[in-house]
All heavy atoms as atom14 arrays in JSON, in Angstrom:
{
  "sequence": "SSLMVVDHSEKQLMWAIVLCVVMTLLFVASFSIGFGPIAWVYG",
  "atom14_mask": [
    [1, 1, 1, 1, 1, 1, 0, 0, 0, 0, 0, 0, 0, 0],
    [1, 1, 1, 1, 1, 1, 0, 0, 0, 0, 0, 0, 0, 0],
    [1, 1, 1, 1, 1, 1, 1, 1, 0, 0, 0, 0, 0, 0],
    [1, 1, 1, 1, 1, 1, 1, 1, 0, 0, 0, 0, 0, 0],
    [1, 1, 1, 1, 1, 1, 1, 0, 0, 0, 0, 0, 0, 0],
    [1, 1, 1, 1, 1, 1, 1, 0, 0, 0, 0, 0, 0, 0],
    [1, 1, 1, 1, 1, 1, 1, 1, 0, 0, 0, 0, 0, 0],
    [1, 1, 1, 1, 1, 1, 1, 1, 1, 1, 0, 0, 0, 0],
    [1, 1, 1, 1, 1, 1, 0, 0, 0, 0, 0, 0, 0, 0],
    [1, 1, 1, 1, 1, 1, 1, 1, 1, 0, 0, 0, 0, 0],
    [1, 1, 1, 1, 1, 1, 1, 1, 1, 0, 0, 0, 0, 0],
    [1, 1, 1, 1, 1, 1, 1, 1, 1, 0, 0, 0, 0, 0],
    [1, 1, 1, 1, 1, 1, 1, 1, 0, 0, 0, 0, 0, 0],
    [1, 1, 1, 1, 1, 1, 1, 1, 0, 0, 0, 0, 0, 0],
    [1, 1, 1, 1, 1, 1, 1, 1, 1, 1, 1, 1, 1, 1],
    [1, 1, 1, 1, 1, 0, 0, 0, 0, 0, 0, 0, 0, 0],
    [1, 1, 1, 1, 1, 1, 1, 1, 0, 0, 0, 0, 0, 0],
    [1, 1, 1, 1, 1, 1, 1, 0, 0, 0, 0, 0, 0, 0],
    [1, 1, 1, 1, 1, 1, 1, 1, 0, 0, 0, 0, 0, 0],
    [1, 1, 1, 1, 1, 1, 0, 0, 0, 0, 0, 0, 0, 0],
    [1, 1, 1, 1, 1, 1, 1, 0, 0, 0, 0, 0, 0, 0],
    [1, 1, 1, 1, 1, 1, 1, 0, 0, 0, 0, 0, 0, 0],
    [1, 1, 1, 1, 1, 1, 1, 1, 0, 0, 0, 0, 0, 0],
    [1, 1, 1, 1, 1, 1, 1, 0, 0, 0, 0, 0, 0, 0],
    [1, 1, 1, 1, 1, 1, 1, 1, 0, 0, 0, 0, 0, 0],
    [1, 1, 1, 1, 1, 1, 1, 1, 0, 0, 0, 0, 0, 0],
    [1, 1, 1, 1, 1, 1, 1, 1, 1, 1, 1, 0, 0, 0],
    [1, 1, 1, 1, 1, 1, 1, 0, 0, 0, 0, 0, 0, 0],
    [1, 1, 1, 1, 1, 0, 0, 0, 0, 0, 0, 0, 0, 0],
    [1, 1, 1, 1, 1, 1, 0, 0, 0, 0, 0, 0, 0, 0],
    [1, 1, 1, 1, 1, 1, 1, 1, 1, 1, 1, 0, 0, 0],
    [1, 1, 1, 1, 1, 1, 0, 0, 0, 0, 0, 0, 0, 0],
    [1, 1, 1, 1, 1, 1, 1, 1, 0, 0, 0, 0, 0, 0],
    [1, 1, 1, 1, 0, 0, 0, 0, 0, 0, 0, 0, 0, 0],
    [1, 1, 1, 1, 1, 1, 1, 1, 1, 1, 1, 0, 0, 0],
    [1, 1, 1, 1, 0, 0, 0, 0, 0, 0, 0, 0, 0, 0],
    [1, 1, 1, 1, 1, 1, 1, 0, 0, 0, 0, 0, 0, 0],
    [1, 1, 1, 1, 1, 1, 1, 1, 0, 0, 0, 0, 0, 0],
    [1, 1, 1, 1, 1, 0, 0, 0, 0, 0, 0, 0, 0, 0],
    [1, 1, 1, 1, 1, 1, 1, 1, 1, 1, 1, 1, 1, 1],
    [1, 1, 1, 1, 1, 1, 1, 0, 0, 0, 0, 0, 0, 0],
    [1, 1, 1, 1, 1, 1, 1, 1, 1, 1, 1, 1, 0, 0],
    [1, 1, 1, 1, 0, 0, 0, 0, 0, 0, 0, 0, 0, 0]
  ],
  "atom14_positions": [
    [[-45.66, 5.11, 8.3], [-46.48, 5.99, 7.46], [-46.7, 7.35, 8.14], [-46.61, 8.4, 7.48], [-47.83, 5.33, 7.18], [-47.66, 4.1, 6.51], [0.0, 0.0, 0.0], [0.0, 0.0, 0.0], [0.0, 0.0, 0.0], [0.0, 0.0, 0.0], [0.0, 0.0, 0.0], [0.0, 0.0, 0.0], [0.0, 0.0, 0.0], [0.0, 0.0, 0.0]],
    [[-46.98, 7.34, 9.44], [-47.21, 8.61, 10.15], [-45.94, 9.43, 10.24], [-45.96, 10.67, 10.12], [-47.79, 8.35, 11.54], [-46.95, 7.48, 12.29], [0.0, 0.0, 0.0], [0.0, 0.0, 0.0], [0.0, 0.0, 0.0], [0.0, 0.0, 0.0], [0.0, 0.0, 0.0], [0.0, 0.0, 0.0], [0.0, 0.0, 0.0], [0.0, 0.0, 0.0]],
    [[-44.78, 8.76, 10.44], [-43.51, 9.48, 10.46], [-43.19, 10.07, 9.08], [-42.61, 11.15, 8.98], [-42.38, 8.54, 10.89], [-42.33, 8.2, 12.39], [-41.36, 7.05, 12.65], [-41.92, 9.42, 13.21], [0.0, 0.0, 0.0], [0.0, 0.0, 0.0], [0.0, 0.0, 0.0], [0.0, 0.0, 0.0], [0.0, 0.0, 0.0], [0.0, 0.0, 0.0]],
    [[-43.6, 9.38, 8.02], [-43.38, 9.89, 6.66], [-44.21, 11.15, 6.44], [-43.74, 12.12, 5.81], [-43.75, 8.81, 5.65], [-43.5, 9.2, 4.19], [-43.64, 7.79, 3.05], [-45.36, 7.33, 3.3], [0.0, 0.0, 0.0], [0.0, 0.0, 0.0], [0.0, 0.0, 0.0], [0.0, 0.0, 0.0], [0.0, 0.0, 0.0], [0.0, 0.0, 0.0]],
    [[-45.45, 11.15, 6.96], [-46.3, 12.34, 6.84], [-45.67, 13.52, 7.57], [-45.6, 14.64, 7.04], [-47.71, 12.05, 7.4], [-48.52, 13.35, 7.49], [-48.43, 11.03, 6.53], [0.0, 0.0, 0.0], [0.0, 0.0, 0.0], [0.0, 0.0, 0.0], [0.0, 0.0, 0.0], [0.0, 0.0, 0.0], [0.0, 0.0, 0.0], [0.0, 0.0, 0.0]],
    [[-45.19, 13.28, 8.8], [-44.55, 14.34, 9.59], [-43.3, 14.85, 8.88], [-43.06, 16.06, 8.8], [-44.2, 13.82, 11.0], [-43.33, 14.84, 11.75], [-45.46, 13.53, 11.8], [0.0, 0.0, 0.0], [0.0, 0.0, 0.0], [0.0, 0.0, 0.0], [0.0, 0.0, 0.0], [0.0, 0.0, 0.0], [0.0, 0.0, 0.0], [0.0, 0.0, 0.0]],
    [[-42.51, 13.92, 8.35], [-41.23, 14.27, 7.72], [-41.42, 15.1, 6.46], [-40.57, 15.93, 6.12], [-40.48, 12.98, 7.4], [-38.99, 13.21, 7.22], [-38.46, 14.16, 7.84], [-38.35, 12.45, 6.46], [0.0, 0.0, 0.0], [0.0, 0.0, 0.0], [0.0, 0.0, 0.0], [0.0, 0.0, 0.0], [0.0, 0.0, 0.0], [0.0, 0.0, 0.0]],
    [[-42.54, 14.91, 5.77], [-42.76, 15.62, 4.5], [-43.74, 16.79, 4.63], [-44.12, 17.39, 3.63], [-43.28, 14.64, 3.43], [-42.25, 13.65, 2.98], [-41.94, 12.51, 3.69], [-41.44, 13.64, 1.88], [-41.0, 11.83, 3.05], [-40.68, 12.49, 1.94], [0.0, 0.0, 0.0], [0.0, 0.0, 0.0], [0.0, 0.0, 0.0], [0.0, 0.0, 0.0]],
    [[-44.14, 17.1, 5.85], [-45.06, 18.21, 6.07], [-44.28, 19.45, 6.53], [-43.37, 19.35, 7.35], [-46.11, 17.84, 7.12], [-46.95, 18.93, 7.38], [0.0, 0.0, 0.0], [0.0, 0.0, 0.0], [0.0, 0.0, 0.0], [0.0, 0.0, 0.0], [0.0, 0.0, 0.0], [0.0, 0.0, 0.0], [0.0, 0.0, 0.0], [0.0, 0.0, 0.0]],
    [[-44.65, 20.61, 6.0], [-43.96, 21.85, 6.36], [-44.49, 22.42, 7.67], [-43.85, 23.26, 8.29], [-44.12, 22.88, 5.23], [-43.45, 22.46, 3.93], [-43.59, 23.51, 2.84], [-44.26, 24.54, 3.12], [-43.05, 23.31, 1.74], [0.0, 0.0, 0.0], [0.0, 0.0, 0.0], [0.0, 0.0, 0.0], [0.0, 0.0, 0.0], [0.0, 0.0, 0.0]],
    [[-45.67, 22.02, 8.1], [-46.22, 22.5, 9.37], [-46.52, 21.32, 10.29], [-46.62, 20.17, 9.85], [-47.49, 23.32, 9.12], [-48.62, 22.55, 8.44], [-49.83, 23.45, 8.24], [-50.98, 22.68, 7.57], [-52.17, 23.54, 7.39], [0.0, 0.0, 0.0], [0.0, 0.0, 0.0], [0.0, 0.0, 0.0], [0.0, 0.0, 0.0], [0.0, 0.0, 0.0]],
    [[-46.65, 21.62, 11.57], [-46.89, 20.57, 12.55], [-48.33, 20.04, 12.44], [-49.29, 20.81, 12.48], [-46.64, 21.11, 13.96], [-46.6, 20.03, 15.03], [-46.27, 20.59, 16.4], [-47.0, 21.43, 16.93], [-45.17, 20.14, 16.98], [0.0, 0.0, 0.0], [0.0, 0.0, 0.0], [0.0, 0.0, 0.0], [0.0, 0.0, 0.0], [0.0, 0.0, 0.0]],
    [[-48.46, 18.74, 12.27], [-49.76, 18.09, 12.16], [-50.02, 17.29, 13.44], [-49.4, 16.24, 13.65], [-49.81, 17.17, 10.95], [-49.58, 17.84, 9.58], [-49.51, 16.79, 8.48], [-50.71, 18.83, 9.28], [0.0, 0.0, 0.0], [0.0, 0.0, 0.0], [0.0, 0.0, 0.0], [0.0, 0.0, 0.0], [0.0, 0.0, 0.0], [0.0, 0.0, 0.0]],
    [[-50.94, 17.78, 14.27], [-51.18, 17.14, 15.56], [-51.67, 15.71, 15.4], [-51.28, 14.82, 16.16], [-52.18, 17.97, 16.37], [-52.4, 17.44, 17.79], [-50.86, 17.27, 18.74], [-50.35, 19.0, 18.84], [0.0, 0.0, 0.0], [0.0, 0.0, 0.0], [0.0, 0.0, 0.0], [0.0, 0.0, 0.0], [0.0, 0.0, 0.0], [0.0, 0.0, 0.0]],
    [[-52.54, 15.47, 14.4], [-53.06, 14.12, 14.22], [-51.95, 13.12, 13.88], [-51.98, 11.96, 14.31], [-54.14, 14.09, 13.14], [-53.65, 14.36, 11.74], [-53.61, 15.55, 11.09], [-53.12, 13.38, 10.82], [-53.1, 15.41, 9.82], [-52.79, 14.07, 9.63], [-52.9, 12.0, 10.88], [-52.25, 13.44, 8.52], [-52.36, 11.37, 9.78], [-52.04, 12.08, 8.6]],
    [[-50.96, 13.58, 13.13], [-49.85, 12.71, 12.76], [-48.96, 12.4, 13.98], [-48.48, 11.28, 14.14], [-49.02, 13.35, 11.65], [0.0, 0.0, 0.0], [0.0, 0.0, 0.0], [0.0, 0.0, 0.0], [0.0, 0.0, 0.0], [0.0, 0.0, 0.0], [0.0, 0.0, 0.0], [0.0, 0.0, 0.0], [0.0, 0.0, 0.0], [0.0, 0.0, 0.0]],
    [[-48.77, 13.42, 14.83], [-47.99, 13.22, 16.06], [-48.68, 12.21, 16.97], [-48.06, 11.28, 17.49], [-47.79, 14.56, 16.8], [-46.95, 15.52, 15.94], [-47.13, 14.34, 18.15], [-46.84, 16.92, 16.52], [0.0, 0.0, 0.0], [0.0, 0.0, 0.0], [0.0, 0.0, 0.0], [0.0, 0.0, 0.0], [0.0, 0.0, 0.0], [0.0, 0.0, 0.0]],
    [[-50.0, 12.4, 17.13], [-50.77, 11.48, 17.98], [-50.73, 10.07, 17.4], [-50.58, 9.08, 18.14], [-52.24, 11.97, 18.09], [-53.09, 10.92, 18.79], [-52.3, 13.29, 18.85], [0.0, 0.0, 0.0], [0.0, 0.0, 0.0], [0.0, 0.0, 0.0], [0.0, 0.0, 0.0], [0.0, 0.0, 0.0], [0.0, 0.0, 0.0], [0.0, 0.0, 0.0]],
    [[-50.82, 9.96, 16.06], [-50.79, 8.65, 15.42], [-49.44, 7.96, 15.64], [-49.39, 6.74, 15.86], [-51.08, 8.78, 13.93], [-51.22, 7.46, 13.15], [-52.36, 6.62, 13.71], [-51.44, 7.75, 11.66], [0.0, 0.0, 0.0], [0.0, 0.0, 0.0], [0.0, 0.0, 0.0], [0.0, 0.0, 0.0], [0.0, 0.0, 0.0], [0.0, 0.0, 0.0]],
    [[-48.36, 8.74, 15.6], [-47.03, 8.19, 15.87], [-46.96, 7.58, 17.27], [-46.46, 6.47, 17.46], [-45.95, 9.28, 15.74], [-45.55, 9.75, 14.06], [0.0, 0.0, 0.0], [0.0, 0.0, 0.0], [0.0, 0.0, 0.0], [0.0, 0.0, 0.0], [0.0, 0.0, 0.0], [0.0, 0.0, 0.0], [0.0, 0.0, 0.0], [0.0, 0.0, 0.0]],
    [[-47.47, 8.33, 18.25], [-47.45, 7.85, 19.64], [-48.33, 6.61, 19.78], [-47.93, 5.62, 20.4], [-47.92, 8.97, 20.61], [-48.01, 8.43, 22.04], [-46.96, 10.16, 20.55], [0.0, 0.0, 0.0], [0.0, 0.0, 0.0], [0.0, 0.0, 0.0], [0.0, 0.0, 0.0], [0.0, 0.0, 0.0], [0.0, 0.0, 0.0], [0.0, 0.0, 0.0]],
    [[-49.53, 6.66, 19.19], [-50.46, 5.53, 19.3], [-49.88, 4.27, 18.65], [-49.95, 3.17, 19.2], [-51.82, 5.88, 18.65], [-52.7, 4.64, 18.52], [-52.53, 6.94, 19.46], [0.0, 0.0, 0.0], [0.0, 0.0, 0.0], [0.0, 0.0, 0.0], [0.0, 0.0, 0.0], [0.0, 0.0, 0.0], [0.0, 0.0, 0.0], [0.0, 0.0, 0.0]],
    [[-49.26, 4.42, 17.47], [-48.68, 3.27, 16.78], [-47.49, 2.7, 17.55], [-47.27, 1.48, 17.57], [-48.24, 3.66, 15.36], [-49.38, 3.88, 14.38], [-50.35, 2.36, 14.06], [-51.85, 2.74, 14.94], [0.0, 0.0, 0.0], [0.0, 0.0, 0.0], [0.0, 0.0, 0.0], [0.0, 0.0, 0.0], [0.0, 0.0, 0.0], [0.0, 0.0, 0.0]],
    [[-46.74, 3.57, 18.21], [-45.62, 3.11, 19.04], [-46.14, 2.3, 20.22], [-45.62, 1.22, 20.54], [-44.79, 4.3, 19.56], [-44.31, 5.06, 18.45], [-43.6, 3.82, 20.38], [0.0, 0.0, 0.0], [0.0, 0.0, 0.0], [0.0, 0.0, 0.0], [0.0, 0.0, 0.0], [0.0, 0.0, 0.0], [0.0, 0.0, 0.0], [0.0, 0.0, 0.0]],
    [[-47.2, 2.8, 20.86], [-47.8, 2.08, 21.99], [-48.4, 0.75, 21.53], [-48.28, -0.27, 22.22], [-48.89, 2.94, 22.65], [-48.42, 4.25, 23.3], [-49.6, 5.0, 23.9], [-47.37, 3.99, 24.37], [0.0, 0.0, 0.0], [0.0, 0.0, 0.0], [0.0, 0.0, 0.0], [0.0, 0.0, 0.0], [0.0, 0.0, 0.0], [0.0, 0.0, 0.0]],
    [[-49.03, 0.75, 20.34], [-49.61, -0.48, 19.8], [-48.51, -1.49, 19.47], [-48.68, -2.7, 19.69], [-50.43, -0.17, 18.55], [-51.08, -1.37, 17.84], [-52.06, -2.08, 18.78], [-51.8, -0.92, 16.57], [0.0, 0.0, 0.0], [0.0, 0.0, 0.0], [0.0, 0.0, 0.0], [0.0, 0.0, 0.0], [0.0, 0.0, 0.0], [0.0, 0.0, 0.0]],
    [[-47.4, -1.01, 18.96], [-46.28, -1.89, 18.61], [-45.73, -2.6, 19.84], [-45.58, -3.83, 19.85], [-45.17, -1.08, 17.93], [-43.91, -1.85, 17.68], [-43.89, -2.91, 16.78], [-42.74, -1.53, 18.34], [-42.72, -3.63, 16.54], [-41.57, -2.25, 18.12], [-41.56, -3.3, 17.21], [0.0, 0.0, 0.0], [0.0, 0.0, 0.0], [0.0, 0.0, 0.0]],
    [[-45.44, -1.85, 20.91], [-44.88, -2.48, 22.11], [-45.92, -3.36, 22.8], [-45.57, -4.39, 23.4], [-44.3, -1.43, 23.09], [-43.15, -0.67, 22.45], [-45.36, -0.47, 23.6], [0.0, 0.0, 0.0], [0.0, 0.0, 0.0], [0.0, 0.0, 0.0], [0.0, 0.0, 0.0], [0.0, 0.0, 0.0], [0.0, 0.0, 0.0], [0.0, 0.0, 0.0]],
    [[-47.2, -2.98, 22.71], [-48.27, -3.81, 23.28], [-48.37, -5.14, 22.53], [-48.48, -6.21, 23.14], [-49.6, -3.07, 23.23], [0.0, 0.0, 0.0], [0.0, 0.0, 0.0], [0.0, 0.0, 0.0], [0.0, 0.0, 0.0], [0.0, 0.0, 0.0], [0.0, 0.0, 0.0], [0.0, 0.0, 0.0], [0.0, 0.0, 0.0], [0.0, 0.0, 0.0]],
    [[-48.34, -5.07, 21.19], [-48.41, -6.29, 20.38], [-47.21, -7.19, 20.66], [-47.35, -8.42, 20.75], [-48.44, -5.93, 18.89], [-49.59, -5.18, 18.58], [0.0, 0.0, 0.0], [0.0, 0.0, 0.0], [0.0, 0.0, 0.0], [0.0, 0.0, 0.0], [0.0, 0.0, 0.0], [0.0, 0.0, 0.0], [0.0, 0.0, 0.0], [0.0, 0.0, 0.0]],
    [[-46.04, -6.6, 20.81], [-44.83, -7.37, 21.12], [-44.97, -8.07, 22.48], [-44.69, -9.25, 22.62], [-43.62, -6.43, 21.13], [-42.33, -7.1, 21.54], [-41.56, -7.76, 20.59], [-41.89, -7.07, 22.85], [-40.36, -8.37, 20.96], [-40.71, -7.67, 23.23], [-39.94, -8.33, 22.28], [0.0, 0.0, 0.0], [0.0, 0.0, 0.0], [0.0, 0.0, 0.0]],
    [[-45.44, -7.32, 23.47], [-45.49, -7.84, 24.84], [-46.54, -8.92, 25.03], [-46.38, -9.8, 25.87], [-45.74, -6.7, 25.83], [-44.62, -5.87, 25.93], [0.0, 0.0, 0.0], [0.0, 0.0, 0.0], [0.0, 0.0, 0.0], [0.0, 0.0, 0.0], [0.0, 0.0, 0.0], [0.0, 0.0, 0.0], [0.0, 0.0, 0.0], [0.0, 0.0, 0.0]],
    [[-47.61, -8.87, 24.28], [-48.69, -9.83, 24.5], [-48.37, -11.21, 23.91], [-49.08, -12.19, 24.17], [-50.02, -9.3, 23.92], [-51.21, -9.94, 24.66], [-50.1, -9.55, 22.42], [-52.52, -9.26, 24.4], [0.0, 0.0, 0.0], [0.0, 0.0, 0.0], [0.0, 0.0, 0.0], [0.0, 0.0, 0.0], [0.0, 0.0, 0.0], [0.0, 0.0, 0.0]],
    [[-47.28, -11.32, 23.13], [-46.95, -12.62, 22.56], [-45.48, -12.83, 22.3], [-44.81, -13.64, 22.95], [0.0, 0.0, 0.0], [0.0, 0.0, 0.0], [0.0, 0.0, 0.0], [0.0, 0.0, 0.0], [0.0, 0.0, 0.0], [0.0, 0.0, 0.0], [0.0, 0.0, 0.0], [0.0, 0.0, 0.0], [0.0, 0.0, 0.0], [0.0, 0.0, 0.0]],
    [[-44.94, -12.1, 21.34], [-43.57, -12.3, 20.88], [-42.56, -12.17, 22.02], [-41.62, -12.97, 22.13], [-43.25, -11.29, 19.78], [-42.14, -11.71, 18.85], [-41.82, -10.93, 17.75], [-41.44, -12.88, 19.07], [-40.8, -11.31, 16.88], [-40.42, -13.27, 18.2], [-40.1, -12.48, 17.11], [0.0, 0.0, 0.0], [0.0, 0.0, 0.0], [0.0, 0.0, 0.0]],
    [[-42.74, -11.16, 22.87], [-41.79, -10.92, 23.96], [-41.62, -12.12, 24.88], [-40.52, -12.68, 24.99], [0.0, 0.0, 0.0], [0.0, 0.0, 0.0], [0.0, 0.0, 0.0], [0.0, 0.0, 0.0], [0.0, 0.0, 0.0], [0.0, 0.0, 0.0], [0.0, 0.0, 0.0], [0.0, 0.0, 0.0], [0.0, 0.0, 0.0], [0.0, 0.0, 0.0]],
    [[-42.7, -12.56, 25.55], [-42.54, -13.69, 26.48], [-42.34, -15.03, 25.79], [-41.64, -15.9, 26.3], [-43.85, -13.67, 27.27], [-44.85, -13.01, 26.37], [-44.06, -11.99, 25.61], [0.0, 0.0, 0.0], [0.0, 0.0, 0.0], [0.0, 0.0, 0.0], [0.0, 0.0, 0.0], [0.0, 0.0, 0.0], [0.0, 0.0, 0.0], [0.0, 0.0, 0.0]],
    [[-42.95, -15.24, 24.62], [-42.91, -16.56, 23.99], [-41.49, -16.93, 23.56], [-41.11, -18.11, 23.6], [-43.89, -16.62, 22.8], [-45.33, -16.69, 23.34], [-43.62, -17.83, 21.91], [-46.4, -16.58, 22.28], [0.0, 0.0, 0.0], [0.0, 0.0, 0.0], [0.0, 0.0, 0.0], [0.0, 0.0, 0.0], [0.0, 0.0, 0.0], [0.0, 0.0, 0.0]],
    [[-40.69, -15.96, 23.15], [-39.31, -16.27, 22.77], [-38.58, -16.95, 23.92], [-37.86, -17.93, 23.73], [-38.57, -14.99, 22.36], [0.0, 0.0, 0.0], [0.0, 0.0, 0.0], [0.0, 0.0, 0.0], [0.0, 0.0, 0.0], [0.0, 0.0, 0.0], [0.0, 0.0, 0.0], [0.0, 0.0, 0.0], [0.0, 0.0, 0.0], [0.0, 0.0, 0.0]],
    [[-38.78, -16.44, 25.14], [-38.08, -17.01, 26.31], [-38.75, -18.3, 26.78], [-38.06, -19.24, 27.18], [-38.04, -15.97, 27.43], [-37.38, -14.71, 26.99], [-38.0, -13.54, 26.66], [-35.99, -14.51, 26.74], [-37.06, -12.61, 26.23], [-35.83, -13.18, 26.27], [-34.86, -15.31, 26.86], [-34.59, -12.65, 25.94], [-33.62, -14.78, 26.54], [-33.5, -13.46, 26.08]],
    [[-40.07, -18.34, 26.74], [-40.78, -19.56, 27.14], [-40.42, -20.71, 26.19], [-39.98, -21.79, 26.6], [-42.3, -19.34, 27.14], [-43.05, -20.65, 27.38], [-42.69, -18.31, 28.21], [0.0, 0.0, 0.0], [0.0, 0.0, 0.0], [0.0, 0.0, 0.0], [0.0, 0.0, 0.0], [0.0, 0.0, 0.0], [0.0, 0.0, 0.0], [0.0, 0.0, 0.0]],
    [[-40.64, -20.48, 24.91], [-40.45, -21.51, 23.89], [-38.98, -21.91, 23.78], [-38.64, -23.1, 23.72], [-40.95, -20.96, 22.56], [-41.3, -21.99, 21.52], [-42.61, -22.44, 21.38], [-40.34, -22.51, 20.67], [-42.95, -23.37, 20.41], [-40.66, -23.44, 19.7], [-41.97, -23.87, 19.57], [-42.3, -24.79, 18.62], [0.0, 0.0, 0.0], [0.0, 0.0, 0.0]],
    [[-38.1, -20.9, 23.76], [-36.67, -21.17, 23.61], [-36.07, -21.97, 24.74], [-35.11, -22.72, 24.55], [0.0, 0.0, 0.0], [0.0, 0.0, 0.0], [0.0, 0.0, 0.0], [0.0, 0.0, 0.0], [0.0, 0.0, 0.0], [0.0, 0.0, 0.0], [0.0, 0.0, 0.0], [0.0, 0.0, 0.0], [0.0, 0.0, 0.0], [0.0, 0.0, 0.0]]
  ]
}
């Protein structure tokens, strides 16, 4: 959603850039706290 806002905006939106970075960090954090290690443990 934040990348869509950036892609369709004619000017630079700092809040959208920050949201992109935050969502990326949240994504890798969510992956690492469960999905990442559990695939190898469980498998």
